[in-house]
Amino acid sequence: MSDISEYGVHTKAELLFPAHLIPSLRDLRGDEWKALVDRVAALPETHPDSLAFVLMMIELDGCLKCNSNNYKFLRGCYLCATQTVQSFKGSDQDLLALYEKARQELSTHLQHGVRPGELSLAA
């Protein structure tokens, strides 16, 4: 039987990928990935580039579909993110392209208040 209480297991999971886990993903891929993680991890969590990385991870990890009955939730964000990055089928360049896409989406949202492809309802 495990020493980890049910409460201890659930405290590992957050609602969305947390920025404080970014540095833990550094050594999971090649040099380009390491450079991105190093650059973003050095930024404040509220910096647009840090937020873009978090957005990318939320989309990769499937955080919006995660819930307390989900196996990934029970394992926690660290293990989920680690497994997601390690098992990503594309190259580091593909991951960097996903990051750039997230940066563009965030930039558009900050400038215009909508994500590309979404309708904005008038008040």
N, C-alpha and C. Protein backbone atom coordinates (compact mmCIF):
# COMPACT_ATOMS: atom_id res chain seq x y z
N MET A 1 0.84 -1.18 0.00
CA MET A 1 0.00 0.00 0.00
C MET A 1 0.88 1.24 0.00
N SER A 2 0.47 2.25 -0.68
CA SER A 2 1.24 3.47 -0.85
C SER A 2 1.12 4.39 0.35
N ASP A 3 2.19 5.14 0.61
CA ASP A 3 2.17 6.14 1.68
C ASP A 3 1.43 7.40 1.27
N ILE A 4 1.18 7.55 -0.02
CA ILE A 4 0.54 8.76 -0.52
C ILE A 4 -0.96 8.69 -0.25
N SER A 5 -1.46 9.67 0.48
CA SER A 5 -2.89 9.70 0.75
C SER A 5 -3.64 10.15 -0.49
N GLU A 6 -4.93 9.95 -0.49
CA GLU A 6 -5.73 10.40 -1.63
C GLU A 6 -5.58 11.91 -1.80
N TYR A 7 -5.53 12.63 -0.70
CA TYR A 7 -5.35 14.08 -0.76
C TYR A 7 -4.01 14.42 -1.41
N GLY A 8 -2.97 13.70 -1.06
CA GLY A 8 -1.65 13.95 -1.62
C GLY A 8 -1.60 13.75 -3.12
N VAL A 9 -2.32 12.78 -3.61
CA VAL A 9 -2.36 12.53 -5.05
C VAL A 9 -3.06 13.68 -5.75
N HIS A 10 -4.18 14.13 -5.22
CA HIS A 10 -4.94 15.19 -5.86
C HIS A 10 -4.27 16.54 -5.79
N THR A 11 -3.39 16.77 -4.83
CA THR A 11 -2.73 18.06 -4.75
C THR A 11 -1.69 18.22 -5.85
N LYS A 12 -1.32 17.15 -6.54
CA LYS A 12 -0.38 17.23 -7.65
C LYS A 12 -1.04 17.81 -8.90
N ALA A 13 -2.35 17.69 -8.99
CA ALA A 13 -3.05 18.11 -10.20
C ALA A 13 -3.59 19.53 -10.03
N GLU A 14 -3.51 20.28 -11.11
CA GLU A 14 -4.04 21.63 -11.14
C GLU A 14 -5.12 21.65 -12.21
N LEU A 15 -5.84 22.73 -12.32
CA LEU A 15 -6.88 22.79 -13.33
C LEU A 15 -6.30 22.91 -14.73
N LEU A 16 -5.23 23.67 -14.87
CA LEU A 16 -4.54 23.85 -16.14
C LEU A 16 -3.05 23.74 -15.90
N PHE A 17 -2.29 23.50 -16.96
CA PHE A 17 -0.84 23.38 -16.82
C PHE A 17 -0.29 24.63 -16.14
N PRO A 18 0.44 24.46 -15.03
CA PRO A 18 0.97 25.61 -14.30
C PRO A 18 2.37 26.02 -14.80
N ALA A 19 2.59 27.32 -14.88
CA ALA A 19 3.86 27.85 -15.39
C ALA A 19 5.05 27.41 -14.54
N HIS A 20 4.84 27.15 -13.26
CA HIS A 20 5.98 26.76 -12.42
C HIS A 20 6.58 25.41 -12.81
N LEU A 21 5.89 24.64 -13.66
CA LEU A 21 6.43 23.36 -14.13
C LEU A 21 7.27 23.48 -15.40
N ILE A 22 7.30 24.65 -16.00
CA ILE A 22 8.03 24.81 -17.26
C ILE A 22 9.48 24.34 -17.14
N PRO A 23 10.25 24.75 -16.12
CA PRO A 23 11.65 24.31 -16.06
C PRO A 23 11.82 22.79 -15.98
N SER A 24 10.84 22.09 -15.44
CA SER A 24 10.95 20.63 -15.30
C SER A 24 10.89 19.90 -16.64
N LEU A 25 10.49 20.60 -17.70
CA LEU A 25 10.37 19.98 -19.02
C LEU A 25 11.64 20.13 -19.84
N ARG A 26 12.65 20.79 -19.33
CA ARG A 26 13.86 21.17 -20.06
C ARG A 26 14.57 20.01 -20.73
N ASP A 27 14.83 18.96 -20.03
CA ASP A 27 15.70 17.89 -20.53
C ASP A 27 14.95 16.76 -21.23
N LEU A 28 13.74 17.02 -21.68
CA LEU A 28 12.93 15.97 -22.28
C LEU A 28 13.10 15.85 -23.79
N ARG A 29 13.71 16.86 -24.42
CA ARG A 29 13.87 16.88 -25.87
C ARG A 29 15.27 17.36 -26.22
N GLY A 30 15.46 17.82 -27.44
CA GLY A 30 16.76 18.26 -27.93
C GLY A 30 17.13 19.68 -27.54
N ASP A 31 18.19 20.18 -28.17
CA ASP A 31 18.75 21.49 -27.83
C ASP A 31 17.80 22.65 -28.10
N GLU A 32 17.05 22.59 -29.18
CA GLU A 32 16.11 23.68 -29.49
C GLU A 32 15.03 23.78 -28.43
N TRP A 33 14.55 22.63 -27.99
CA TRP A 33 13.54 22.61 -26.92
C TRP A 33 14.14 23.14 -25.63
N LYS A 34 15.35 22.72 -25.30
CA LYS A 34 16.01 23.20 -24.09
C LYS A 34 16.16 24.71 -24.11
N ALA A 35 16.55 25.25 -25.26
CA ALA A 35 16.72 26.71 -25.39
C ALA A 35 15.39 27.43 -25.16
N LEU A 36 14.32 26.89 -25.72
CA LEU A 36 13.00 27.50 -25.52
C LEU A 36 12.60 27.46 -24.05
N VAL A 37 12.74 26.31 -23.43
CA VAL A 37 12.37 26.16 -22.02
C VAL A 37 13.22 27.10 -21.15
N ASP A 38 14.52 27.15 -21.41
CA ASP A 38 15.38 28.04 -20.62
C ASP A 38 14.95 29.49 -20.76
N ARG A 39 14.64 29.91 -21.98
CA ARG A 39 14.25 31.31 -22.21
C ARG A 39 12.93 31.63 -21.52
N VAL A 40 11.95 30.76 -21.69
CA VAL A 40 10.63 31.01 -21.13
C VAL A 40 10.63 30.88 -19.60
N ALA A 41 11.38 29.93 -19.08
CA ALA A 41 11.42 29.72 -17.63
C ALA A 41 12.04 30.91 -16.89
N ALA A 42 12.88 31.67 -17.57
CA ALA A 42 13.52 32.84 -16.95
C ALA A 42 12.58 34.05 -16.89
N LEU A 43 11.45 33.97 -17.57
CA LEU A 43 10.51 35.08 -17.62
C LEU A 43 9.51 35.01 -16.47
N PRO A 44 8.92 36.15 -16.11
CA PRO A 44 7.82 36.10 -15.12
C PRO A 44 6.64 35.29 -15.68
N GLU A 45 5.88 34.67 -14.81
CA GLU A 45 4.76 33.83 -15.25
C GLU A 45 3.71 34.62 -16.02
N THR A 46 3.68 35.93 -15.84
CA THR A 46 2.68 36.76 -16.52
C THR A 46 3.17 37.32 -17.85
N HIS A 47 4.40 37.04 -18.21
CA HIS A 47 4.96 37.51 -19.49
C HIS A 47 4.22 36.80 -20.63
N PRO A 48 3.91 37.51 -21.72
CA PRO A 48 3.19 36.88 -22.84
C PRO A 48 3.87 35.61 -23.38
N ASP A 49 5.20 35.56 -23.40
CA ASP A 49 5.87 34.35 -23.90
C ASP A 49 5.69 33.17 -22.94
N SER A 50 5.65 33.46 -21.65
CA SER A 50 5.38 32.41 -20.67
C SER A 50 3.94 31.94 -20.79
N LEU A 51 3.03 32.88 -20.95
CA LEU A 51 1.62 32.53 -21.12
C LEU A 51 1.40 31.72 -22.40
N ALA A 52 2.14 32.04 -23.45
CA ALA A 52 2.03 31.29 -24.71
C ALA A 52 2.51 29.85 -24.50
N PHE A 53 3.58 29.67 -23.74
CA PHE A 53 4.07 28.32 -23.46
C PHE A 53 3.01 27.53 -22.68
N VAL A 54 2.42 28.18 -21.69
CA VAL A 54 1.37 27.54 -20.91
C VAL A 54 0.20 27.17 -21.81
N LEU A 55 -0.21 28.08 -22.70
CA LEU A 55 -1.30 27.80 -23.64
C LEU A 55 -0.96 26.60 -24.52
N MET A 56 0.27 26.56 -25.02
CA MET A 56 0.69 25.44 -25.84
C MET A 56 0.57 24.12 -25.06
N MET A 57 1.04 24.13 -23.82
CA MET A 57 0.99 22.91 -23.01
C MET A 57 -0.45 22.52 -22.66
N ILE A 58 -1.30 23.51 -22.42
CA ILE A 58 -2.72 23.22 -22.15
C ILE A 58 -3.34 22.50 -23.33
N GLU A 59 -3.01 22.97 -24.53
CA GLU A 59 -3.56 22.33 -25.73
C GLU A 59 -2.94 20.96 -25.97
N LEU A 60 -1.64 20.83 -25.78
CA LEU A 60 -0.97 19.53 -25.97
C LEU A 60 -1.46 18.49 -24.95
N ASP A 61 -1.54 18.91 -23.71
CA ASP A 61 -1.91 17.99 -22.62
C ASP A 61 -3.40 17.65 -22.61
N GLY A 62 -4.21 18.49 -23.25
CA GLY A 62 -5.66 18.27 -23.21
C GLY A 62 -6.25 18.67 -21.87
N CYS A 63 -5.71 19.71 -21.26
CA CYS A 63 -6.14 20.14 -19.93
C CYS A 63 -7.63 20.48 -19.86
N LEU A 64 -8.18 21.01 -20.93
CA LEU A 64 -9.59 21.43 -20.90
C LEU A 64 -10.54 20.24 -20.80
N LYS A 65 -10.07 19.05 -21.15
CA LYS A 65 -10.89 17.85 -21.06
C LYS A 65 -10.59 17.05 -19.78
N CYS A 66 -9.60 17.49 -19.02
CA CYS A 66 -9.18 16.75 -17.83
C CYS A 66 -10.15 17.02 -16.67
N ASN A 67 -10.39 16.01 -15.87
CA ASN A 67 -11.23 16.17 -14.68
C ASN A 67 -10.78 15.17 -13.62
N SER A 68 -11.37 15.25 -12.46
CA SER A 68 -10.92 14.43 -11.33
C SER A 68 -11.14 12.94 -11.53
N ASN A 69 -11.91 12.54 -12.52
CA ASN A 69 -12.11 11.12 -12.81
C ASN A 69 -11.15 10.63 -13.89
N ASN A 70 -10.29 11.49 -14.37
CA ASN A 70 -9.38 11.19 -15.46
C ASN A 70 -8.07 10.63 -14.90
N TYR A 71 -7.55 9.60 -15.54
CA TYR A 71 -6.28 9.00 -15.10
C TYR A 71 -5.15 10.02 -15.11
N LYS A 72 -5.12 10.87 -16.14
CA LYS A 72 -4.07 11.89 -16.22
C LYS A 72 -4.15 12.85 -15.03
N PHE A 73 -5.36 13.21 -14.62
CA PHE A 73 -5.55 14.09 -13.46
C PHE A 73 -5.00 13.42 -12.20
N LEU A 74 -5.29 12.15 -12.05
CA LEU A 74 -4.84 11.44 -10.85
C LEU A 74 -3.32 11.34 -10.78
N ARG A 75 -2.66 11.28 -11.93
CA ARG A 75 -1.19 11.24 -11.95
C ARG A 75 -0.59 12.60 -11.65
N GLY A 76 -1.28 13.66 -11.99
CA GLY A 76 -0.80 15.01 -11.74
C GLY A 76 -0.24 15.67 -12.98
N CYS A 77 -0.15 16.99 -12.93
CA CYS A 77 0.28 17.79 -14.08
C CYS A 77 1.73 17.51 -14.47
N TYR A 78 2.59 17.31 -13.50
CA TYR A 78 4.00 17.07 -13.82
C TYR A 78 4.16 15.81 -14.68
N LEU A 79 3.59 14.71 -14.24
CA LEU A 79 3.72 13.46 -14.99
C LEU A 79 2.99 13.52 -16.33
N CYS A 80 1.84 14.17 -16.35
CA CYS A 80 1.10 14.31 -17.60
C CYS A 80 1.92 15.11 -18.61
N ALA A 81 2.44 16.26 -18.20
CA ALA A 81 3.22 17.11 -19.11
C ALA A 81 4.50 16.42 -19.56
N THR A 82 5.15 15.74 -18.64
CA THR A 82 6.38 15.02 -18.98
C THR A 82 6.11 13.96 -20.03
N GLN A 83 5.08 13.16 -19.82
CA GLN A 83 4.73 12.11 -20.77
C GLN A 83 4.31 12.71 -22.11
N THR A 84 3.58 13.80 -22.09
CA THR A 84 3.12 14.43 -23.32
C THR A 84 4.29 14.92 -24.16
N VAL A 85 5.24 15.60 -23.52
CA VAL A 85 6.39 16.13 -24.25
C VAL A 85 7.28 14.99 -24.75
N GLN A 86 7.52 14.00 -23.92
CA GLN A 86 8.38 12.88 -24.32
C GLN A 86 7.76 12.07 -25.45
N SER A 87 6.46 11.91 -25.44
CA SER A 87 5.83 11.05 -26.44
C SER A 87 5.33 11.82 -27.67
N PHE A 88 5.59 13.13 -27.72
CA PHE A 88 5.18 13.92 -28.87
C PHE A 88 5.84 13.34 -30.12
N LYS A 89 5.05 13.03 -31.13
CA LYS A 89 5.55 12.32 -32.31
C LYS A 89 6.34 13.22 -33.26
N GLY A 90 6.13 14.51 -33.19
CA GLY A 90 6.84 15.42 -34.08
C GLY A 90 8.24 15.74 -33.59
N SER A 91 8.91 16.60 -34.35
CA SER A 91 10.26 17.03 -34.00
C SER A 91 10.22 18.21 -33.04
N ASP A 92 11.39 18.62 -32.57
CA ASP A 92 11.47 19.84 -31.75
C ASP A 92 10.99 21.04 -32.55
N GLN A 93 11.28 21.04 -33.85
CA GLN A 93 10.80 22.14 -34.71
C GLN A 93 9.27 22.19 -34.73
N ASP A 94 8.64 21.03 -34.71
CA ASP A 94 7.18 20.98 -34.68
C ASP A 94 6.65 21.56 -33.36
N LEU A 95 7.33 21.23 -32.27
CA LEU A 95 6.93 21.79 -30.98
C LEU A 95 7.13 23.31 -30.96
N LEU A 96 8.24 23.78 -31.50
CA LEU A 96 8.48 25.21 -31.57
C LEU A 96 7.44 25.90 -32.45
N ALA A 97 6.99 25.24 -33.50
CA ALA A 97 5.94 25.80 -34.34
C ALA A 97 4.62 25.90 -33.57
N LEU A 98 4.34 24.90 -32.73
CA LEU A 98 3.14 24.97 -31.89
C LEU A 98 3.25 26.13 -30.89
N TYR A 99 4.44 26.33 -30.36
CA TYR A 99 4.67 27.45 -29.45
C TYR A 99 4.44 28.77 -30.18
N GLU A 100 4.99 28.91 -31.38
CA GLU A 100 4.81 30.15 -32.15
C GLU A 100 3.34 30.38 -32.47
N LYS A 101 2.61 29.31 -32.77
CA LYS A 101 1.17 29.42 -33.02
C LYS A 101 0.46 29.93 -31.77
N ALA A 102 0.82 29.40 -30.61
CA ALA A 102 0.23 29.85 -29.35
C ALA A 102 0.58 31.33 -29.09
N ARG A 103 1.81 31.74 -29.42
CA ARG A 103 2.21 33.14 -29.26
C ARG A 103 1.34 34.04 -30.14
N GLN A 104 1.12 33.61 -31.37
CA GLN A 104 0.29 34.40 -32.29
C GLN A 104 -1.16 34.49 -31.79
N GLU A 105 -1.70 33.38 -31.33
CA GLU A 105 -3.06 33.38 -30.79
C GLU A 105 -3.18 34.32 -29.60
N LEU A 106 -2.20 34.24 -28.71
CA LEU A 106 -2.21 35.10 -27.53
C LEU A 106 -2.08 36.57 -27.93
N SER A 107 -1.22 36.86 -28.87
CA SER A 107 -1.04 38.22 -29.34
C SER A 107 -2.33 38.77 -29.94
N THR A 108 -2.98 37.95 -30.77
CA THR A 108 -4.26 38.36 -31.36
C THR A 108 -5.30 38.61 -30.27
N HIS A 109 -5.33 37.72 -29.30
CA HIS A 109 -6.29 37.88 -28.20
C HIS A 109 -6.02 39.16 -27.41
N LEU A 110 -4.77 39.43 -27.13
CA LEU A 110 -4.43 40.64 -26.37
C LEU A 110 -4.75 41.91 -27.16
N GLN A 111 -4.59 41.85 -28.47
CA GLN A 111 -4.86 43.02 -29.31
C GLN A 111 -6.34 43.21 -29.61
N HIS A 112 -7.04 42.10 -29.84
CA HIS A 112 -8.42 42.19 -30.33
C HIS A 112 -9.46 41.57 -29.40
N GLY A 113 -9.02 40.84 -28.40
CA GLY A 113 -9.95 40.25 -27.45
C GLY A 113 -10.63 38.97 -27.90
N VAL A 114 -10.21 38.39 -29.03
CA VAL A 114 -10.81 37.13 -29.48
C VAL A 114 -9.72 36.19 -29.96
N ARG A 115 -9.99 34.91 -29.92
CA ARG A 115 -9.08 33.91 -30.51
C ARG A 115 -9.46 33.77 -31.97
N PRO A 116 -8.49 33.50 -32.82
CA PRO A 116 -8.80 33.31 -34.25
C PRO A 116 -9.85 32.21 -34.42
N GLY A 117 -10.81 32.49 -35.29
CA GLY A 117 -11.85 31.51 -35.57
C GLY A 117 -13.04 31.54 -34.62
N GLU A 118 -12.99 32.38 -33.59
CA GLU A 118 -14.11 32.49 -32.66
C GLU A 118 -14.93 33.72 -33.01
N LEU A 119 -16.23 33.60 -32.76
CA LEU A 119 -17.11 34.73 -32.96
C LEU A 119 -17.14 35.57 -31.70
N SER A 120 -17.23 36.86 -31.87
CA SER A 120 -17.37 37.75 -30.73
C SER A 120 -18.80 38.25 -30.70
N LEU A 121 -19.46 38.09 -29.57
CA LEU A 121 -20.84 38.52 -29.44
C LEU A 121 -20.89 39.98 -29.01
N ALA A 122 -21.72 40.76 -29.66
CA ALA A 122 -21.87 42.16 -29.29
C ALA A 122 -22.69 42.25 -28.02
N ALA A 123 -22.39 43.22 -27.20
CA ALA A 123 -23.10 43.39 -25.93
C ALA A 123 -24.45 44.04 -26.14
